C-alpha cells in the first residue's frame, strides 16, 4: 500500500466518522423533538382539566350552587399517562424544561390528592383554598411547559389558562389570612 492509498483510506474514515456523528446528532434532535411533542400534548390536556375544575368550583361557590358529585365527575383530573414513561428520558430535555415538567407533575399530584380529600367531605373554606391554589399552580406551571415547548418546537402559541375566579379566591384568602399561604407540593407539612 502506498502513502496515497493510506491517505485516501484515512480521509474516507474521517468522512464516515463525521457522517455517523451527524446522524447521531440528528437522531438525538428527533428524539428530543418527539419528547417535547409528547410532553406538550399531555400537559395541554391536563392543564385544561385543572383550570376548568378550578373555575367550576369557584363559579359554583360564587353563585351559591352546590358542588355535587356530578360536577366532580365531569371535571375529574385524568391520571398522567405519558409522563411516568418519560421520566427516564427527561435528561434529553433542556434542564429548565425538565424542571418545569417535574414541578407541573408535582403540583398536579398534590391537586389530585387534595381533590380526593375534598371529595371525601373535607370542604371547609381552608380546604377549598388549598385545593384551588393547587389547581391554579398546576395550571400555571403547565402553561410554562406549554410556552417553552411551543417556542422550541416552532409551533404557534396556543392555549393559555384563564382562571379569573380561581385567582381571585386564592388572592383573597391569602390577603386576609397570610398564615395560610400554600407553598405547593414542596412546602413543609403543617
C-alpha atoms as a PDB file:
ATOM      1  CA  UNK A   1       0.000   0.000   0.000  1.00  0.00           C
ATOM      2  CA  UNK A   2       1.265   3.360  -0.910  1.00  0.00           C
ATOM      3  CA  UNK A   3       1.091   6.525   1.134  1.00  0.00           C
ATOM      4  CA  UNK A   4      -1.592   7.916  -1.195  1.00  0.00           C
ATOM      5  CA  UNK A   5      -3.800   4.872  -0.562  1.00  0.00           C
ATOM      6  CA  UNK A   6      -3.346   5.230   3.177  1.00  0.00           C
ATOM      7  CA  UNK A   7      -4.234   8.921   2.927  1.00  0.00           C
ATOM      8  CA  UNK A   8      -7.390   8.139   0.937  1.00  0.00           C
ATOM      9  CA  UNK A   9      -8.422   5.496   3.471  1.00  0.00           C
ATOM     10  CA  UNK A  10      -7.761   7.969   6.298  1.00  0.00           C
ATOM     11  CA  UNK A  11      -9.906  10.639   4.657  1.00  0.00           C
ATOM     12  CA  UNK A  12     -12.656   8.092   3.967  1.00  0.00           C
ATOM     13  CA  UNK A  13     -12.551   7.022   7.637  1.00  0.00           C
ATOM     14  CA  UNK A  14     -12.806  10.617   8.795  1.00  0.00           C
ATOM     15  CA  UNK A  15     -15.771  11.241   6.468  1.00  0.00           C
ATOM     16  CA  UNK A  16     -17.545   8.102   7.678  1.00  0.00           C
ATOM     17  CA  UNK A  17     -16.983   9.077  11.313  1.00  0.00           C
ATOM     18  CA  UNK A  18     -18.333  12.575  10.621  1.00  0.00           C
ATOM     19  CA  UNK A  19     -21.395  11.127   8.860  1.00  0.00           C
ATOM     20  CA  UNK A  20     -22.055   8.771  11.786  1.00  0.00           C
ATOM     21  CA  UNK A  21     -21.669  11.607  14.293  1.00  0.00           C
ATOM     22  CA  UNK A  22     -24.042  13.875  12.382  1.00  0.00           C
ATOM     23  CA  UNK A  23     -26.569  11.006  12.105  1.00  0.00           C
ATOM     24  CA  UNK A  24     -26.366  10.506  15.871  1.00  0.00           C
ATOM     25  CA  UNK A  25     -26.892  14.235  16.478  1.00  0.00           C
ATOM     26  CA  UNK A  26     -29.831  14.274  14.071  1.00  0.00           C
ATOM     27  CA  UNK A  27     -31.336  11.233  15.757  1.00  0.00           C
ATOM     28  CA  UNK A  28     -30.925  12.886  19.169  1.00  0.00           C
ATOM     29  CA  UNK A  29     -32.643  16.027  17.900  1.00  0.00           C
ATOM     30  CA  UNK A  30     -35.538  13.963  16.564  1.00  0.00           C
ATOM     31  CA  UNK A  31     -35.883  12.151  19.895  1.00  0.00           C
ATOM     32  CA  UNK A  32     -35.826  15.449  21.764  1.00  0.00           C
ATOM     33  CA  UNK A  33     -38.492  16.907  19.464  1.00  0.00           C
ATOM     34  CA  UNK A  34     -40.643  13.808  19.898  1.00  0.00           C
ATOM     35  CA  UNK A  35     -40.301  14.019  23.694  1.00  0.00           C
ATOM     36  CA  UNK A  36     -41.203  17.707  23.610  1.00  0.00           C
ATOM     37  CA  UNK A  37     -44.231  16.985  21.453  1.00  0.00           C
ATOM     38  CA  UNK A  38     -45.470  14.183  23.728  1.00  0.00           C
ATOM     39  CA  UNK A  39     -44.874  16.229  26.881  1.00  0.00           C
ATOM     40  CA  UNK A  40     -46.610  19.261  25.371  1.00  0.00           C
ATOM     41  CA  UNK A  41     -49.656  17.267  24.250  1.00  0.00           C
ATOM     42  CA  UNK A  42     -50.267  15.668  27.626  1.00  0.00           C
ATOM     43  CA  UNK A  43     -49.530  18.881  29.519  1.00  0.00           C
ATOM     44  CA  UNK A  44     -52.041  20.772  27.389  1.00  0.00           C
ATOM     45  CA  UNK A  45     -54.832  18.340  28.194  1.00  0.00           C
ATOM     46  CA  UNK A  46     -54.028  18.122  31.895  1.00  0.00           C
ATOM     47  CA  UNK A  47     -53.629  21.900  32.272  1.00  0.00           C
ATOM     48  CA  UNK A  48     -57.014  22.487  30.657  1.00  0.00           C
ATOM     49  CA  UNK A  49     -58.661  19.980  33.001  1.00  0.00           C
ATOM     50  CA  UNK A  50     -57.078  21.588  36.042  1.00  0.00           C
ATOM     51  CA  UNK A  51     -58.060  25.129  35.019  1.00  0.00           C
ATOM     52  CA  UNK A  52     -61.634  24.086  34.171  1.00  0.00           C
ATOM     53  CA  UNK A  53     -62.045  22.331  37.531  1.00  0.00           C
ATOM     54  CA  UNK A  54     -60.718  25.341  39.454  1.00  0.00           C
ATOM     55  CA  UNK A  55     -63.093  27.693  37.616  1.00  0.00           C
ATOM     56  CA  UNK A  56     -66.063  25.311  38.007  1.00  0.00           C
ATOM     57  CA  UNK A  57     -65.549  25.064  41.781  1.00  0.00           C
ATOM     58  CA  UNK A  58     -65.133  28.825  42.187  1.00  0.00           C
ATOM     59  CA  UNK A  59     -68.044  29.638  39.868  1.00  0.00           C
ATOM     60  CA  UNK A  60     -70.430  27.404  41.781  1.00  0.00           C
ATOM     61  CA  UNK A  61     -69.195  28.691  45.094  1.00  0.00           C
ATOM     62  CA  UNK A  62     -69.608  32.328  43.979  1.00  0.00           C
ATOM     63  CA  UNK A  63     -73.180  31.627  42.811  1.00  0.00           C
ATOM     64  CA  UNK A  64     -74.048  29.677  45.962  1.00  0.00           C
ATOM     65  CA  UNK A  65     -74.650  26.483  43.971  1.00  0.00           C
ATOM     66  CA  UNK A  66     -73.873  23.050  45.327  1.00  0.00           C
ATOM     67  CA  UNK A  67     -70.785  21.264  44.089  1.00  0.00           C
ATOM     68  CA  UNK A  68     -72.262  17.794  43.749  1.00  0.00           C
ATOM     69  CA  UNK A  69     -70.761  14.508  42.625  1.00  0.00           C
ATOM     70  CA  UNK A  70     -71.856  15.093  39.012  1.00  0.00           C
ATOM     71  CA  UNK A  71     -69.722  18.230  38.853  1.00  0.00           C
ATOM     72  CA  UNK A  72     -66.731  16.452  40.365  1.00  0.00           C
ATOM     73  CA  UNK A  73     -67.136  13.557  37.930  1.00  0.00           C
ATOM     74  CA  UNK A  74     -67.466  15.893  34.939  1.00  0.00           C
ATOM     75  CA  UNK A  75     -64.317  17.779  35.930  1.00  0.00           C
ATOM     76  CA  UNK A  76     -62.247  14.877  37.249  1.00  0.00           C
ATOM     77  CA  UNK A  77     -58.499  15.036  36.780  1.00  0.00           C
ATOM     78  CA  UNK A  78     -57.038  12.469  34.424  1.00  0.00           C
ATOM     79  CA  UNK A  79     -54.064  10.446  35.590  1.00  0.00           C
ATOM     80  CA  UNK A  80     -50.948  11.361  33.576  1.00  0.00           C
ATOM     81  CA  UNK A  81     -50.327   8.625  31.018  1.00  0.00           C
ATOM     82  CA  UNK A  82     -47.095   9.537  29.256  1.00  0.00           C
ATOM     83  CA  UNK A  83     -45.164  11.388  31.955  1.00  0.00           C
ATOM     84  CA  UNK A  84     -44.264   8.266  34.001  1.00  0.00           C
ATOM     85  CA  UNK A  85     -42.772   6.741  30.857  1.00  0.00           C
ATOM     86  CA  UNK A  86     -40.902   9.941  30.036  1.00  0.00           C
ATOM     87  CA  UNK A  87     -39.093  10.130  33.380  1.00  0.00           C
ATOM     88  CA  UNK A  88     -36.092   8.059  32.204  1.00  0.00           C
ATOM     89  CA  UNK A  89     -35.818  10.336  29.143  1.00  0.00           C
ATOM     90  CA  UNK A  90     -36.109  13.708  30.919  1.00  0.00           C
ATOM     91  CA  UNK A  91     -32.326  14.086  30.713  1.00  0.00           C
ATOM     92  CA  UNK A  92     -32.736  14.524  26.952  1.00  0.00           C
ATOM     93  CA  UNK A  93     -34.744  17.689  27.521  1.00  0.00           C
ATOM     94  CA  UNK A  94     -33.206  21.057  28.344  1.00  0.00           C
ATOM     95  CA  UNK A  95     -32.729  21.348  32.107  1.00  0.00           C
ATOM     96  CA  UNK A  96     -35.201  24.196  32.567  1.00  0.00           C
ATOM     97  CA  UNK A  97     -37.933  22.330  30.698  1.00  0.00           C
ATOM     98  CA  UNK A  98     -37.297  19.069  32.578  1.00  0.00           C
ATOM     99  CA  UNK A  99     -37.503  21.019  35.856  1.00  0.00           C
ATOM    100  CA  UNK A 100     -40.789  22.581  34.777  1.00  0.00           C
ATOM    101  CA  UNK A 101     -42.156  19.131  33.923  1.00  0.00           C
ATOM    102  CA  UNK A 102     -41.248  17.803  37.356  1.00  0.00           C
ATOM    103  CA  UNK A 103     -42.812  20.865  39.018  1.00  0.00           C
ATOM    104  CA  UNK A 104     -46.005  20.584  36.960  1.00  0.00           C
ATOM    105  CA  UNK A 105     -46.482  16.916  37.761  1.00  0.00           C
ATOM    106  CA  UNK A 106     -45.713  17.509  41.446  1.00  0.00           C
ATOM    107  CA  UNK A 107     -48.353  20.255  41.561  1.00  0.00           C
ATOM    108  CA  UNK A 108     -50.780  18.024  39.668  1.00  0.00           C
ATOM    109  CA  UNK A 109     -50.181  15.154  42.110  1.00  0.00           C
ATOM    110  CA  UNK A 110     -50.841  17.496  45.028  1.00  0.00           C
ATOM    111  CA  UNK A 111     -54.046  18.774  43.380  1.00  0.00           C
ATOM    112  CA  UNK A 112     -55.215  15.204  42.758  1.00  0.00           C
ATOM    113  CA  UNK A 113     -54.622  14.216  46.397  1.00  0.00           C
ATOM    114  CA  UNK A 114     -56.374  17.350  47.689  1.00  0.00           C
ATOM    115  CA  UNK A 115     -59.286  16.697  45.336  1.00  0.00           C
ATOM    116  CA  UNK A 116     -59.589  13.167  46.730  1.00  0.00           C
ATOM    117  CA  UNK A 117     -59.723  14.559  50.283  1.00  0.00           C
ATOM    118  CA  UNK A 118     -62.209  17.196  49.168  1.00  0.00           C
ATOM    119  CA  UNK A 119     -64.443  14.509  47.623  1.00  0.00           C
ATOM    120  CA  UNK A 120     -64.422  12.652  50.953  1.00  0.00           C
ATOM    121  CA  UNK A 121     -66.118  15.657  52.504  1.00  0.00           C
ATOM    122  CA  UNK A 122     -63.307  17.915  53.721  1.00  0.00           C
ATOM    123  CA  UNK A 123     -64.876  21.037  52.229  1.00  0.00           C
ATOM    124  CA  UNK A 124     -64.230  23.920  54.587  1.00  0.00           C
ATOM    125  CA  UNK A 125     -63.041  27.272  53.271  1.00  0.00           C
ATOM    126  CA  UNK A 126     -59.424  26.380  54.062  1.00  0.00           C
ATOM    127  CA  UNK A 127     -59.575  23.055  52.215  1.00  0.00           C
ATOM    128  CA  UNK A 128     -61.279  24.755  49.256  1.00  0.00           C
ATOM    129  CA  UNK A 129     -58.478  27.334  49.199  1.00  0.00           C
ATOM    130  CA  UNK A 130     -55.835  24.585  49.372  1.00  0.00           C
ATOM    131  CA  UNK A 131     -57.485  22.665  46.524  1.00  0.00           C
ATOM    132  CA  UNK A 132     -57.999  25.715  44.301  1.00  0.00           C
ATOM    133  CA  UNK A 133     -54.485  27.026  44.967  1.00  0.00           C
ATOM    134  CA  UNK A 134     -53.003  23.635  43.978  1.00  0.00           C
ATOM    135  CA  UNK A 135     -55.176  23.631  40.839  1.00  0.00           C
ATOM    136  CA  UNK A 136     -54.158  27.158  39.810  1.00  0.00           C
ATOM    137  CA  UNK A 137     -50.467  26.500  40.477  1.00  0.00           C
ATOM    138  CA  UNK A 138     -50.683  23.319  38.440  1.00  0.00           C
ATOM    139  CA  UNK A 139     -52.349  25.108  35.501  1.00  0.00           C
ATOM    140  CA  UNK A 140     -49.816  27.943  35.643  1.00  0.00           C
ATOM    141  CA  UNK A 141     -46.806  25.602  35.794  1.00  0.00           C
ATOM    142  CA  UNK A 142     -48.318  23.642  32.895  1.00  0.00           C
ATOM    143  CA  UNK A 143     -48.541  26.916  30.986  1.00  0.00           C
ATOM    144  CA  UNK A 144     -44.787  27.363  31.474  1.00  0.00           C
ATOM    145  CA  UNK A 145     -44.141  23.975  29.837  1.00  0.00           C
ATOM    146  CA  UNK A 146     -46.537  24.788  27.006  1.00  0.00           C
ATOM    147  CA  UNK A 147     -44.941  28.153  26.241  1.00  0.00           C
ATOM    148  CA  UNK A 148     -41.391  26.830  26.339  1.00  0.00           C
ATOM    149  CA  UNK A 149     -42.068  23.641  24.371  1.00  0.00           C
ATOM    150  CA  UNK A 150     -44.099  25.578  21.788  1.00  0.00           C
ATOM    151  CA  UNK A 151     -41.222  28.002  21.354  1.00  0.00           C
ATOM    152  CA  UNK A 152     -38.655  25.218  20.996  1.00  0.00           C
ATOM    153  CA  UNK A 153     -40.810  23.268  18.540  1.00  0.00           C
ATOM    154  CA  UNK A 154     -41.578  26.366  16.477  1.00  0.00           C
ATOM    155  CA  UNK A 155     -45.325  25.848  16.756  1.00  0.00           C
ATOM    156  CA  UNK A 156     -47.887  28.635  17.000  1.00  0.00           C
ATOM    157  CA  UNK A 157     -48.812  29.732  20.515  1.00  0.00           C
ATOM    158  CA  UNK A 158     -51.946  28.040  21.763  1.00  0.00           C
ATOM    159  CA  UNK A 159     -53.970  27.830  24.946  1.00  0.00           C
ATOM    160  CA  UNK A 160     -53.331  29.997  27.991  1.00  0.00           C
ATOM    161  CA  UNK A 161     -55.022  29.347  31.366  1.00  0.00           C
ATOM    162  CA  UNK A 162     -57.825  31.793  32.114  1.00  0.00           C
ATOM    163  CA  UNK A 163     -58.861  31.445  35.757  1.00  0.00           C
ATOM    164  CA  UNK A 164     -60.161  34.802  36.996  1.00  0.00           C
ATOM    165  CA  UNK A 165     -62.459  33.338  39.676  1.00  0.00           C
ATOM    166  CA  UNK A 166     -59.872  30.886  40.984  1.00  0.00           C
ATOM    167  CA  UNK A 167     -57.146  33.551  41.059  1.00  0.00           C
ATOM    168  CA  UNK A 168     -59.471  35.936  42.896  1.00  0.00           C
ATOM    169  CA  UNK A 169     -60.345  33.296  45.512  1.00  0.00           C
ATOM    170  CA  UNK A 170     -56.686  32.394  46.139  1.00  0.00           C
ATOM    171  CA  UNK A 171     -55.549  36.032  46.304  1.00  0.00           C
ATOM    172  CA  UNK A 172     -58.462  36.987  48.587  1.00  0.00           C
ATOM    173  CA  UNK A 173     -57.766  34.235  51.112  1.00  0.00           C
ATOM    174  CA  UNK A 174     -54.016  34.867  51.046  1.00  0.00           C
ATOM    175  CA  UNK A 175     -54.619  38.580  51.631  1.00  0.00           C
ATOM    176  CA  UNK A 176     -56.981  38.029  54.590  1.00  0.00           C
ATOM    177  CA  UNK A 177     -55.183  35.004  56.085  1.00  0.00           C
ATOM    178  CA  UNK A 178     -51.466  35.237  55.215  1.00  0.00           C
ATOM    179  CA  UNK A 179     -50.652  32.396  57.637  1.00  0.00           C
ATOM    180  CA  UNK A 180     -52.497  30.008  55.298  1.00  0.00           C
ATOM    181  CA  UNK A 181     -50.134  30.708  52.412  1.00  0.00           C
ATOM    182  CA  UNK A 182     -49.872  27.464  50.480  1.00  0.00           C
ATOM    183  CA  UNK A 183     -46.375  26.821  49.170  1.00  0.00           C
ATOM    184  CA  UNK A 184     -47.236  23.881  46.958  1.00  0.00           C
ATOM    185  CA  UNK A 185     -46.063  20.317  46.881  1.00  0.00           C
ATOM    186  CA  UNK A 186     -42.595  21.208  48.211  1.00  0.00           C
ATOM    187  CA  UNK A 187     -43.906  23.026  51.292  1.00  0.00           C
ATOM    188  CA  UNK A 188     -43.175  21.501  54.703  1.00  0.00           C
ATOM    189  CA  UNK A 189     -46.071  19.632  56.345  1.00  0.00           C
ATOM    190  CA  UNK A 190     -48.216  21.608  58.779  1.00  0.00           C
END
